[in-house]
C-alpha atoms as a PDB file:
ATOM      1  CA  MET A   1      29.156 -23.480 -33.276  1.00  0.00           C
ATOM      2  CA  ASP A   2      27.524 -24.831 -36.373  1.00  0.00           C
ATOM      3  CA  SER A   3      30.131 -27.068 -37.614  1.00  0.00           C
ATOM      4  CA  LYS A   4      33.597 -27.888 -36.326  1.00  0.00           C
ATOM      5  CA  ASN A   5      35.511 -24.876 -37.709  1.00  0.00           C
ATOM      6  CA  ASN A   6      32.881 -22.563 -38.013  1.00  0.00           C
ATOM      7  CA  PHE A   7      31.464 -20.429 -34.791  1.00  0.00           C
ATOM      8  CA  LYS A   8      28.468 -17.858 -34.275  1.00  0.00           C
ATOM      9  CA  VAL A   9      29.289 -15.303 -31.551  1.00  0.00           C
ATOM     10  CA  ILE A  10      27.750 -12.554 -29.882  1.00  0.00           C
ATOM     11  CA  GLY A  11      29.997  -9.859 -28.282  1.00  0.00           C
ATOM     12  CA  LEU A  12      28.983  -6.949 -25.960  1.00  0.00           C
ATOM     13  CA  MET A  13      31.069  -4.131 -24.873  1.00  0.00           C
ATOM     14  CA  SER A  14      30.148  -1.186 -22.522  1.00  0.00           C
ATOM     15  CA  GLY A  15      32.664   1.346 -21.236  1.00  0.00           C
ATOM     16  CA  THR A  16      32.661   3.871 -18.337  1.00  0.00           C
ATOM     17  CA  SER A  17      30.789   6.441 -20.361  1.00  0.00           C
ATOM     18  CA  LEU A  18      27.537   5.161 -19.824  1.00  0.00           C
ATOM     19  CA  ASP A  19      26.679   5.550 -23.219  1.00  0.00           C
ATOM     20  CA  GLY A  20      25.054   2.323 -23.870  1.00  0.00           C
ATOM     21  CA  VAL A  21      26.387  -1.696 -25.022  1.00  0.00           C
ATOM     22  CA  ASP A  22      27.633  -2.265 -28.446  1.00  0.00           C
ATOM     23  CA  LEU A  23      26.410  -5.360 -29.827  1.00  0.00           C
ATOM     24  CA  ALA A  24      28.462  -7.594 -32.803  1.00  0.00           C
ATOM     25  CA  CYS A  25      26.975 -10.879 -34.141  1.00  0.00           C
ATOM     26  CA  CYS A  26      29.946 -12.617 -36.069  1.00  0.00           C
ATOM     27  CA  THR A  27      31.009 -15.562 -37.737  1.00  0.00           C
ATOM     28  CA  PHE A  28      34.476 -17.034 -37.000  1.00  0.00           C
ATOM     29  CA  LYS A  29      35.819 -19.522 -39.775  1.00  0.00           C
ATOM     30  CA  GLN A  30      39.001 -21.485 -39.509  1.00  0.00           C
ATOM     31  CA  SER A  31      40.315 -22.496 -42.912  1.00  0.00           C
ATOM     32  CA  ASP A  32      43.661 -23.609 -44.149  1.00  0.00           C
ATOM     33  CA  GLY A  33      45.152 -23.062 -40.753  1.00  0.00           C
ATOM     34  CA  ALA A  34      44.125 -19.150 -40.592  1.00  0.00           C
ATOM     35  CA  TRP A  35      40.871 -17.759 -38.986  1.00  0.00           C
ATOM     36  CA  ARG A  36      38.695 -15.397 -40.826  1.00  0.00           C
ATOM     37  CA  TYR A  37      35.629 -13.396 -39.529  1.00  0.00           C
ATOM     38  CA  THR A  38      32.562 -11.860 -40.625  1.00  0.00           C
ATOM     39  CA  ILE A  39      30.184  -9.108 -38.961  1.00  0.00           C
ATOM     40  CA  GLN A  40      26.915 -10.091 -39.343  1.00  0.00           C
ATOM     41  CA  ALA A  41      25.037  -7.370 -37.826  1.00  0.00           C
ATOM     42  CA  ALA A  42      26.431  -4.835 -35.167  1.00  0.00           C
ATOM     43  CA  LYS A  43      24.665  -1.757 -33.322  1.00  0.00           C
ATOM     44  CA  THR A  44      24.722   0.467 -30.361  1.00  0.00           C
ATOM     45  CA  VAL A  45      21.877   0.000 -27.868  1.00  0.00           C
ATOM     46  CA  LYS A  46      21.536   3.513 -25.519  1.00  0.00           C
ATOM     47  CA  TYR A  47      20.835   2.782 -21.852  1.00  0.00           C
ATOM     48  CA  PRO A  48      17.875   4.214 -20.762  1.00  0.00           C
ATOM     49  CA  PRO A  49      18.074   6.664 -18.198  1.00  0.00           C
ATOM     50  CA  ALA A  50      17.198   3.814 -15.344  1.00  0.00           C
ATOM     51  CA  TRP A  51      20.238   2.079 -16.198  1.00  0.00           C
ATOM     52  CA  ILE A  52      22.451   5.113 -16.255  1.00  0.00           C
ATOM     53  CA  ARG A  53      20.916   5.864 -12.604  1.00  0.00           C
ATOM     54  CA  LYS A  54      21.937   1.985 -11.489  1.00  0.00           C
ATOM     55  CA  LEU A  55      25.294   1.559 -12.818  1.00  0.00           C
ATOM     56  CA  SER A  56      26.403   5.275 -12.084  1.00  0.00           C
ATOM     57  CA  GLY A  57      25.806   4.500  -8.546  1.00  0.00           C
ATOM     58  CA  ALA A  58      27.215   0.975  -8.412  1.00  0.00           C
ATOM     59  CA  HIS A  59      30.281   1.869  -6.425  1.00  0.00           C
ATOM     60  CA  LEU A  60      28.134   3.169  -3.559  1.00  0.00           C
ATOM     61  CA  LEU A  61      26.117  -0.210  -3.109  1.00  0.00           C
ATOM     62  CA  SER A  62      26.431  -3.013  -0.536  1.00  0.00           C
ATOM     63  CA  GLY A  63      28.139  -6.332  -1.639  1.00  0.00           C
ATOM     64  CA  GLU A  64      24.452  -7.804  -1.486  1.00  0.00           C
ATOM     65  CA  GLU A  65      23.377  -4.659  -3.474  1.00  0.00           C
ATOM     66  CA  LEU A  66      25.763  -5.158  -5.820  1.00  0.00           C
ATOM     67  CA  VAL A  67      25.535  -8.974  -6.679  1.00  0.00           C
ATOM     68  CA  ASN A  68      21.671  -8.461  -7.379  1.00  0.00           C
ATOM     69  CA  LEU A  69      22.740  -5.494  -9.816  1.00  0.00           C
ATOM     70  CA  ASP A  70      25.174  -7.954 -11.504  1.00  0.00           C
ATOM     71  CA  ALA A  71      22.081 -10.472 -11.889  1.00  0.00           C
ATOM     72  CA  ALA A  72      19.852  -7.779 -13.211  1.00  0.00           C
ATOM     73  CA  TYR A  73      22.524  -6.491 -15.252  1.00  0.00           C
ATOM     74  CA  GLY A  74      22.856  -9.888 -16.976  1.00  0.00           C
ATOM     75  CA  LYS A  75      19.396 -10.676 -17.607  1.00  0.00           C
ATOM     76  CA  TYR A  76      19.259  -6.874 -19.215  1.00  0.00           C
ATOM     77  CA  LEU A  77      22.102  -7.723 -21.873  1.00  0.00           C
ATOM     78  CA  GLY A  78      20.607 -11.334 -22.356  1.00  0.00           C
ATOM     79  CA  MET A  79      17.354  -9.311 -23.379  1.00  0.00           C
ATOM     80  CA  LEU A  80      19.352  -7.501 -25.944  1.00  0.00           C
ATOM     81  CA  CYS A  81      20.814 -10.574 -27.665  1.00  0.00           C
ATOM     82  CA  ALA A  82      17.455 -12.324 -27.948  1.00  0.00           C
END
């Protein structure tokens, strides 16, 4: 947030197709009781083969392995936002 009514937000989305991660950098502004937004930048980053393998096999993992995958995936998403 860079002012009381001005927010900069990064949105991430990935679906079950495992084609990649959609990212959008947006600004939300509140003015006269209404919200407005602008999309500053947007792109899709295709998953590398290693991530496709990891994510497509997630349903076979133990609880501990799934927790580890979740942490690694969070780091991967963070890297994409940098």
